[in-house]
């Protein structure tokens, strides 16, 4: 299993789509704060500090997570079907369950790295321009590691969903399209149905799609932590199981 995971990390390092995503997200992360910097400079408004920018705009990173997972699923996983690499891997003698688990770990780590680009790059840039400043009064020194840690955890949960789409569809274009539409529409659908059916309302309240918004809260009550941690972990398990099931029974050509 260790060698399988190492092989996935090696392929991740060599994957051009992964590096293209990192560079593109880094460029956007550099440009986005500059818009606010020059706008505030021209209007005479106080500039954002690094801490203010992170706490104010970290919620926007959920879009980067969704887009990054969708694109990486299409080009990192599905491309191996198109090039025949997946067929070679499947006939290597390892069980398909282990192969899928290793692929999911490599994919999730890649998605996590992509998800960290915006909060880290933008905060460093704003800090360089205007200083770091102070975190929100109600937050603690644990705020930054908490935000980054939860970002990675929830990205892994989104990655588990993206990997499931990839193994079902096996086509880059379909996987990217379906994943993006699903991630963008699921909040609207569940919230709309949940307003009429209590069960779906509860389902949405305790889903990664709703809880990902809590990452940016200045402080989190102790009673909210179990759901905040368990929901993404359960999502990973519940998506990995059907992913393994589908991968085991799929005819790989």
Protein backbone atom coordinates (compact mmCIF):
# COMPACT_ATOMS: atom_id res chain seq x y z
CA UNK A 1 0.00 0.00 0.00
CA UNK A 2 2.87 2.34 0.85
CA UNK A 3 4.40 1.85 -2.61
CA UNK A 4 1.04 2.48 -4.27
CA UNK A 5 0.64 5.76 -2.42
CA UNK A 6 4.21 6.77 -3.29
CA UNK A 7 3.45 6.05 -6.94
CA UNK A 8 0.38 8.30 -6.78
CA UNK A 9 2.40 11.11 -5.23
CA UNK A 10 5.01 10.71 -7.97
CA UNK A 11 2.31 10.96 -10.65
CA UNK A 12 0.85 13.98 -8.88
CA UNK A 13 4.22 15.76 -8.97
CA UNK A 14 4.52 15.02 -12.69
CA UNK A 15 0.91 15.96 -13.52
CA UNK A 16 0.82 19.14 -15.63
CA UNK A 17 -2.81 19.86 -14.80
CA UNK A 18 -1.98 19.91 -11.09
CA UNK A 19 0.81 22.45 -11.57
CA UNK A 20 -1.32 24.48 -13.95
CA UNK A 21 -4.03 24.67 -11.29
CA UNK A 22 -1.53 25.72 -8.65
CA UNK A 23 -0.10 28.46 -10.87
CA UNK A 24 -3.53 29.68 -12.00
CA UNK A 25 -4.84 29.82 -8.42
CA UNK A 26 -1.67 31.56 -7.27
CA UNK A 27 -2.11 34.19 -10.01
CA UNK A 28 -5.73 34.80 -9.01
CA UNK A 29 -4.73 34.90 -5.35
CA UNK A 30 -2.20 37.62 -6.13
CA UNK A 31 -4.58 39.64 -8.35
CA UNK A 32 -7.66 39.47 -6.10
CA UNK A 33 -6.22 41.39 -3.12
CA UNK A 34 -4.66 43.98 -5.45
CA UNK A 35 -8.14 44.96 -6.69
CA UNK A 36 -9.15 45.84 -3.14
CA UNK A 37 -5.81 47.47 -2.40
CA UNK A 38 -5.94 49.92 -5.32
CA UNK A 39 -9.68 50.50 -4.87
CA UNK A 40 -9.19 51.43 -1.20
CA UNK A 41 -6.15 53.50 -2.08
CA UNK A 42 -8.07 55.57 -4.63
CA UNK A 43 -11.08 56.04 -2.33
CA UNK A 44 -9.05 56.75 0.78
CA UNK A 45 -10.56 53.83 2.72
CA UNK A 46 -8.40 51.95 5.25
CA UNK A 47 -6.56 49.03 3.72
CA UNK A 48 -7.26 45.43 4.66
CA UNK A 49 -4.59 43.89 6.83
CA UNK A 50 -3.56 40.29 6.29
CA UNK A 51 -5.64 39.07 9.23
CA UNK A 52 -8.70 41.02 8.10
CA UNK A 53 -8.42 39.76 4.55
CA UNK A 54 -8.11 36.14 5.67
CA UNK A 55 -11.08 36.30 8.06
CA UNK A 56 -13.24 38.23 5.55
CA UNK A 57 -12.56 36.31 2.36
CA UNK A 58 -11.75 32.76 3.51
CA UNK A 59 -15.39 31.80 2.80
CA UNK A 60 -14.75 32.54 -0.90
CA UNK A 61 -12.20 29.72 -0.91
CA UNK A 62 -15.04 27.18 -1.08
CA UNK A 63 -15.42 28.03 -4.78
CA UNK A 64 -11.73 27.36 -5.32
CA UNK A 65 -12.13 24.01 -3.55
CA UNK A 66 -15.07 22.97 -5.72
CA UNK A 67 -13.48 24.07 -8.99
CA UNK A 68 -10.08 22.62 -8.08
CA UNK A 69 -11.52 19.22 -7.11
CA UNK A 70 -13.62 19.03 -10.29
CA UNK A 71 -10.76 19.88 -12.65
CA UNK A 72 -8.20 17.71 -10.88
CA UNK A 73 -10.59 14.74 -10.82
CA UNK A 74 -11.00 15.02 -14.59
CA UNK A 75 -7.32 15.35 -15.44
CA UNK A 76 -5.63 13.36 -12.68
CA UNK A 77 -7.95 10.35 -12.49
CA UNK A 78 -9.89 10.18 -15.76
CA UNK A 79 -6.87 10.77 -17.99
CA UNK A 80 -5.52 7.43 -16.83
CA UNK A 81 -8.53 5.74 -18.41
CA UNK A 82 -7.95 7.54 -21.71
CA UNK A 83 -4.21 6.79 -21.83
CA UNK A 84 -4.54 3.14 -20.78
CA UNK A 85 -2.57 3.63 -17.57
CA UNK A 86 -5.58 2.61 -15.48
CA UNK A 87 -5.79 -0.74 -17.31
CA UNK A 88 -2.10 -1.37 -16.63
CA UNK A 89 -2.52 -0.48 -12.97
CA UNK A 90 -5.61 -2.68 -12.61
CA UNK A 91 -3.69 -5.68 -13.97
CA UNK A 92 -0.68 -5.13 -11.69
CA UNK A 93 -1.74 -7.76 -9.18
CA UNK A 94 -2.89 -5.38 -6.45
CA UNK A 95 -6.50 -5.50 -5.33
CA UNK A 96 -8.71 -2.82 -6.81
CA UNK A 97 -9.73 -1.68 -3.36
CA UNK A 98 -6.11 -0.85 -2.51
CA UNK A 99 -5.59 0.79 -5.90
CA UNK A 100 -8.64 3.01 -5.45
CA UNK A 101 -7.65 3.93 -1.88
CA UNK A 102 -4.15 4.92 -3.01
CA UNK A 103 -5.55 6.91 -5.92
CA UNK A 104 -8.00 8.69 -3.61
CA UNK A 105 -5.23 9.58 -1.14
CA UNK A 106 -2.99 11.00 -3.88
CA UNK A 107 -5.88 12.90 -5.42
CA UNK A 108 -7.07 14.26 -2.06
CA UNK A 109 -3.58 15.48 -1.15
CA UNK A 110 -3.31 17.26 -4.51
CA UNK A 111 -6.71 18.90 -3.99
CA UNK A 112 -5.71 19.96 -0.45
CA UNK A 113 -2.58 21.69 -1.75
CA UNK A 114 -4.66 23.52 -4.34
CA UNK A 115 -7.17 24.59 -1.67
CA UNK A 116 -4.43 26.20 0.44
CA UNK A 117 -3.16 28.47 -2.33
CA UNK A 118 -5.74 31.26 -1.95
CA UNK A 119 -5.69 31.67 1.86
CA UNK A 120 -1.89 31.47 2.08
CA UNK A 121 -0.83 33.46 -0.99
CA UNK A 122 -3.43 36.23 -0.59
CA UNK A 123 -2.79 36.62 3.15
CA UNK A 124 0.98 36.81 2.64
CA UNK A 125 0.55 39.40 -0.11
CA UNK A 126 -1.83 41.59 1.90
CA UNK A 127 0.48 41.31 4.91
CA UNK A 128 3.37 42.50 2.74
CA UNK A 129 1.29 45.45 1.49
CA UNK A 130 -0.49 46.53 4.68
CA UNK A 131 0.85 44.50 7.57
CA UNK A 132 -0.73 41.53 9.30
CA UNK A 133 -2.81 43.47 11.82
CA UNK A 134 -4.93 41.68 14.40
CA UNK A 135 -7.25 38.71 14.22
CA UNK A 136 -10.95 39.23 15.09
CA UNK A 137 -11.40 39.96 18.80
CA UNK A 138 -13.50 36.84 19.37
CA UNK A 139 -10.95 34.54 17.71
CA UNK A 140 -7.81 33.05 19.24
CA UNK A 141 -4.26 32.34 18.12
CA UNK A 142 -5.59 28.97 16.99
CA UNK A 143 -7.65 30.68 14.25
CA UNK A 144 -5.17 30.34 11.37
CA UNK A 145 -4.16 26.67 11.92
CA UNK A 146 -7.85 25.88 12.53
CA UNK A 147 -8.88 27.52 9.24
CA UNK A 148 -6.14 25.78 7.25
CA UNK A 149 -6.73 22.42 8.92
CA UNK A 150 -10.50 22.46 8.33
CA UNK A 151 -9.92 23.65 4.77
CA UNK A 152 -7.82 20.55 4.08
CA UNK A 153 -10.29 18.24 5.83
CA UNK A 154 -13.29 19.54 3.89
CA UNK A 155 -11.31 19.52 0.64
CA UNK A 156 -10.60 15.82 1.24
CA UNK A 157 -14.35 15.25 1.63
CA UNK A 158 -15.06 17.08 -1.63
CA UNK A 159 -12.27 15.06 -3.24
CA UNK A 160 -13.97 11.81 -2.19
CA UNK A 161 -17.10 12.95 -4.06
CA UNK A 162 -15.05 14.04 -7.08
CA UNK A 163 -13.23 10.69 -7.18
CA UNK A 164 -16.58 8.87 -7.11
CA UNK A 165 -17.79 10.87 -10.12
CA UNK A 166 -14.48 10.19 -11.90
CA UNK A 167 -14.63 6.42 -11.44
CA UNK A 168 -18.26 6.30 -12.56
CA UNK A 169 -17.92 8.55 -15.62
CA UNK A 170 -14.26 7.80 -16.58
CA UNK A 171 -14.25 10.74 -19.01
CA UNK A 172 -12.44 14.00 -18.23
CA UNK A 173 -14.98 16.35 -19.78
CA UNK A 174 -18.00 14.61 -18.27
CA UNK A 175 -16.38 14.40 -14.83
CA UNK A 176 -15.42 18.08 -14.77
CA UNK A 177 -18.81 19.21 -16.06
CA UNK A 178 -20.91 17.01 -13.79
CA UNK A 179 -18.75 17.77 -10.73
CA UNK A 180 -18.91 21.54 -11.21
CA UNK A 181 -22.67 21.51 -11.81
CA UNK A 182 -23.21 19.24 -8.80
CA UNK A 183 -21.04 21.32 -6.44
CA UNK A 184 -22.64 24.58 -7.55
CA UNK A 185 -26.24 23.34 -7.50
CA UNK A 186 -26.34 21.01 -4.50
CA UNK A 187 -26.64 23.87 -1.98
CA UNK A 188 -29.58 25.41 -3.85
CA UNK A 189 -31.32 22.06 -4.30
CA UNK A 190 -30.91 20.81 -0.72
CA UNK A 191 -31.76 24.21 0.80
CA UNK A 192 -34.86 24.51 -1.42
CA UNK A 193 -36.13 21.00 -0.69
CA UNK A 194 -35.11 21.35 2.96
CA UNK A 195 -37.34 24.38 3.38
CA UNK A 196 -40.31 22.13 2.57
CA UNK A 197 -39.21 18.72 3.86
CA UNK A 198 -37.70 18.63 7.35
CA UNK A 199 -35.56 15.55 6.67
CA UNK A 200 -33.73 17.23 3.79
CA UNK A 201 -33.36 20.36 5.88
CA UNK A 202 -31.55 18.37 8.56
CA UNK A 203 -29.54 16.55 5.90
CA UNK A 204 -28.37 19.84 4.49
CA UNK A 205 -27.58 21.29 7.92
CA UNK A 206 -25.30 18.32 8.64
CA UNK A 207 -23.63 18.11 5.26
CA UNK A 208 -20.22 19.33 4.14
CA UNK A 209 -21.99 21.70 1.74
CA UNK A 210 -23.43 23.69 4.64
CA UNK A 211 -20.74 23.16 7.26
CA UNK A 212 -17.92 24.29 4.97
CA UNK A 213 -19.22 27.82 5.58
CA UNK A 214 -18.40 27.48 9.29
CA UNK A 215 -14.68 27.30 8.56
CA UNK A 216 -14.52 31.10 8.43
CA UNK A 217 -16.27 31.69 11.78
CA UNK A 218 -14.07 33.71 14.18
CA UNK A 219 -14.90 31.26 16.96
CA UNK A 220 -16.58 27.85 17.08
CA UNK A 221 -18.55 26.62 20.08
CA UNK A 222 -17.31 23.40 21.65
CA UNK A 223 -20.66 21.77 20.92
CA UNK A 224 -20.26 22.38 17.19
CA UNK A 225 -16.89 20.65 16.89
CA UNK A 226 -18.13 17.01 16.74
CA UNK A 227 -20.32 17.67 13.69
CA UNK A 228 -17.67 19.88 12.11
CA UNK A 229 -15.11 17.07 12.29
CA UNK A 230 -17.23 13.94 11.93
CA UNK A 231 -19.32 15.01 8.92
CA UNK A 232 -16.38 15.35 6.48
CA UNK A 233 -14.80 12.13 7.80
CA UNK A 234 -18.08 10.24 7.31
CA UNK A 235 -18.44 11.80 3.86
CA UNK A 236 -15.01 10.45 2.88
CA UNK A 237 -15.91 6.95 4.08
CA UNK A 238 -19.41 6.93 2.57
CA UNK A 239 -18.09 8.08 -0.82
CA UNK A 240 -14.99 5.85 -0.78
CA UNK A 241 -17.06 2.70 -0.23
CA UNK A 242 -19.24 2.99 -3.36
CA UNK A 243 -16.15 4.24 -5.23
CA UNK A 244 -14.32 1.01 -4.41
CA UNK A 245 -17.44 -1.00 -5.27
CA UNK A 246 -17.76 0.62 -8.70
CA UNK A 247 -14.02 0.38 -9.42
CA UNK A 248 -13.98 -3.33 -8.56
CA UNK A 249 -16.78 -4.10 -11.02
CA UNK A 250 -15.90 -1.72 -13.81
CA UNK A 251 -14.57 -3.15 -17.05
CA UNK A 252 -11.41 -1.13 -17.64
CA UNK A 253 -10.41 -0.94 -21.31
